[in-house]
C-alpha cells in the first residue's frame, strides 16, 4: 500500500469527510511532510485497493463528492 493511500484511509478512519478535510488531516497526520493535492486525493481513492470500502457520498444536487469510509475492518 502506498503511503498516500495509508494516510488517506487513516484520515477516514474517524468518519466521513470532504476532500479538504482529508487533505488537512493527511497534512496533520504526516507532520506536514505529505501535502496532497485534490487530484492526488481523488486518484488515490479511485485506485485504492479497498475502494469497495470507500464510497462517495453525494447529497442531492451536490457538485463535489465527499468520500466516506464504511466498515474498514482491520488494516
C-alpha atoms as a PDB file:
ATOM      1  CA  UNK A   1       0.000   0.000   0.000  1.00  0.00           C
ATOM      2  CA  UNK A   2       1.352   3.409  -0.908  1.00  0.00           C
ATOM      3  CA  UNK A   3       1.879   5.997   1.805  1.00  0.00           C
ATOM      4  CA  UNK A   4      -0.774   8.345   0.399  1.00  0.00           C
ATOM      5  CA  UNK A   5      -3.364   5.556   0.474  1.00  0.00           C
ATOM      6  CA  UNK A   6      -2.488   4.657   4.048  1.00  0.00           C
ATOM      7  CA  UNK A   7      -2.679   8.282   5.203  1.00  0.00           C
ATOM      8  CA  UNK A   8      -6.000   8.881   3.431  1.00  0.00           C
ATOM      9  CA  UNK A   9      -7.551   5.769   4.964  1.00  0.00           C
ATOM     10  CA  UNK A  10      -6.187   6.793   8.361  1.00  0.00           C
ATOM     11  CA  UNK A  11      -7.829  10.201   7.941  1.00  0.00           C
ATOM     12  CA  UNK A  12     -11.131   8.496   7.019  1.00  0.00           C
ATOM     13  CA  UNK A  13     -10.980   6.074   9.956  1.00  0.00           C
ATOM     14  CA  UNK A  14     -12.615   8.667  12.225  1.00  0.00           C
ATOM     15  CA  UNK A  15     -15.604   9.042   9.898  1.00  0.00           C
ATOM     16  CA  UNK A  16     -16.725  10.601   6.643  1.00  0.00           C
ATOM     17  CA  UNK A  17     -15.144  13.830   5.446  1.00  0.00           C
ATOM     18  CA  UNK A  18     -14.989  16.068   2.424  1.00  0.00           C
ATOM     19  CA  UNK A  19     -11.820  16.326   0.339  1.00  0.00           C
ATOM     20  CA  UNK A  20     -10.434  19.421   2.059  1.00  0.00           C
ATOM     21  CA  UNK A  21     -10.826  17.766   5.469  1.00  0.00           C
ATOM     22  CA  UNK A  22      -8.972  14.668   4.282  1.00  0.00           C
ATOM     23  CA  UNK A  23      -6.153  16.788   2.833  1.00  0.00           C
ATOM     24  CA  UNK A  24      -5.865  18.742   6.106  1.00  0.00           C
ATOM     25  CA  UNK A  25      -5.855  15.533   8.182  1.00  0.00           C
ATOM     26  CA  UNK A  26      -3.191  13.923   5.991  1.00  0.00           C
ATOM     27  CA  UNK A  27      -1.007  17.013   6.434  1.00  0.00           C
ATOM     28  CA  UNK A  28      -1.500  16.852  10.206  1.00  0.00           C
ATOM     29  CA  UNK A  29      -1.000  13.073  10.482  1.00  0.00           C
ATOM     30  CA  UNK A  30       2.225  13.264   8.464  1.00  0.00           C
ATOM     31  CA  UNK A  31       3.543  16.216  10.453  1.00  0.00           C
ATOM     32  CA  UNK A  32       3.429  18.407   7.344  1.00  0.00           C
ATOM     33  CA  UNK A  33       5.629  16.039   5.357  1.00  0.00           C
ATOM     34  CA  UNK A  34       2.874  14.950   2.912  1.00  0.00           C
ATOM     35  CA  UNK A  35       0.893  17.670   1.133  1.00  0.00           C
ATOM     36  CA  UNK A  36      -1.864  16.148  -1.005  1.00  0.00           C
ATOM     37  CA  UNK A  37      -3.438  17.949  -3.927  1.00  0.00           C
ATOM     38  CA  UNK A  38      -7.075  17.250  -4.816  1.00  0.00           C
ATOM     39  CA  UNK A  39      -6.087  15.364  -7.974  1.00  0.00           C
ATOM     40  CA  UNK A  40      -3.822  13.074  -5.972  1.00  0.00           C
ATOM     41  CA  UNK A  41      -6.517  12.517  -3.348  1.00  0.00           C
ATOM     42  CA  UNK A  42      -9.254  11.502  -5.784  1.00  0.00           C
ATOM     43  CA  UNK A  43      -6.938   9.459  -7.995  1.00  0.00           C
ATOM     44  CA  UNK A  44      -5.737   7.589  -4.903  1.00  0.00           C
ATOM     45  CA  UNK A  45      -9.317   6.980  -3.756  1.00  0.00           C
ATOM     46  CA  UNK A  46     -10.290   5.720  -7.204  1.00  0.00           C
ATOM     47  CA  UNK A  47      -7.321   3.334  -7.284  1.00  0.00           C
ATOM     48  CA  UNK A  48      -7.273   2.295  -3.615  1.00  0.00           C
ATOM     49  CA  UNK A  49      -7.196  -1.492  -3.161  1.00  0.00           C
ATOM     50  CA  UNK A  50     -10.044  -1.132  -0.655  1.00  0.00           C
ATOM     51  CA  UNK A  51     -12.140   1.045  -2.956  1.00  0.00           C
ATOM     52  CA  UNK A  52     -15.224  -1.021  -2.169  1.00  0.00           C
ATOM     53  CA  UNK A  53     -14.996   0.332   1.397  1.00  0.00           C
ATOM     54  CA  UNK A  54     -14.630   3.975   0.360  1.00  0.00           C
ATOM     55  CA  UNK A  55     -17.764   5.251  -1.276  1.00  0.00           C
ATOM     56  CA  UNK A  56     -18.522   8.775  -2.495  1.00  0.00           C
ATOM     57  CA  UNK A  57     -21.339  10.380  -0.542  1.00  0.00           C
ATOM     58  CA  UNK A  58     -23.335  12.540  -2.915  1.00  0.00           C
ATOM     59  CA  UNK A  59     -26.059  14.685  -1.415  1.00  0.00           C
ATOM     60  CA  UNK A  60     -28.759  15.574  -3.951  1.00  0.00           C
ATOM     61  CA  UNK A  61     -27.526  18.389  -6.187  1.00  0.00           C
ATOM     62  CA  UNK A  62     -24.006  18.452  -4.736  1.00  0.00           C
ATOM     63  CA  UNK A  63     -21.324  19.217  -7.323  1.00  0.00           C
ATOM     64  CA  UNK A  64     -18.452  17.726  -5.306  1.00  0.00           C
ATOM     65  CA  UNK A  65     -18.016  14.265  -3.899  1.00  0.00           C
ATOM     66  CA  UNK A  66     -17.241  13.594  -0.258  1.00  0.00           C
ATOM     67  CA  UNK A  67     -15.589  10.217   0.417  1.00  0.00           C
ATOM     68  CA  UNK A  68     -16.922   8.226   3.309  1.00  0.00           C
ATOM     69  CA  UNK A  69     -15.301   5.173   4.843  1.00  0.00           C
ATOM     70  CA  UNK A  70     -17.513   2.313   5.918  1.00  0.00           C
ATOM     71  CA  UNK A  71     -16.562  -0.866   7.695  1.00  0.00           C
ATOM     72  CA  UNK A  72     -12.821  -0.639   7.074  1.00  0.00           C
ATOM     73  CA  UNK A  73     -12.144  -3.654   9.271  1.00  0.00           C
ATOM     74  CA  UNK A  74      -8.571  -4.165  10.382  1.00  0.00           C
ATOM     75  CA  UNK A  75      -5.708  -2.586   8.491  1.00  0.00           C
END
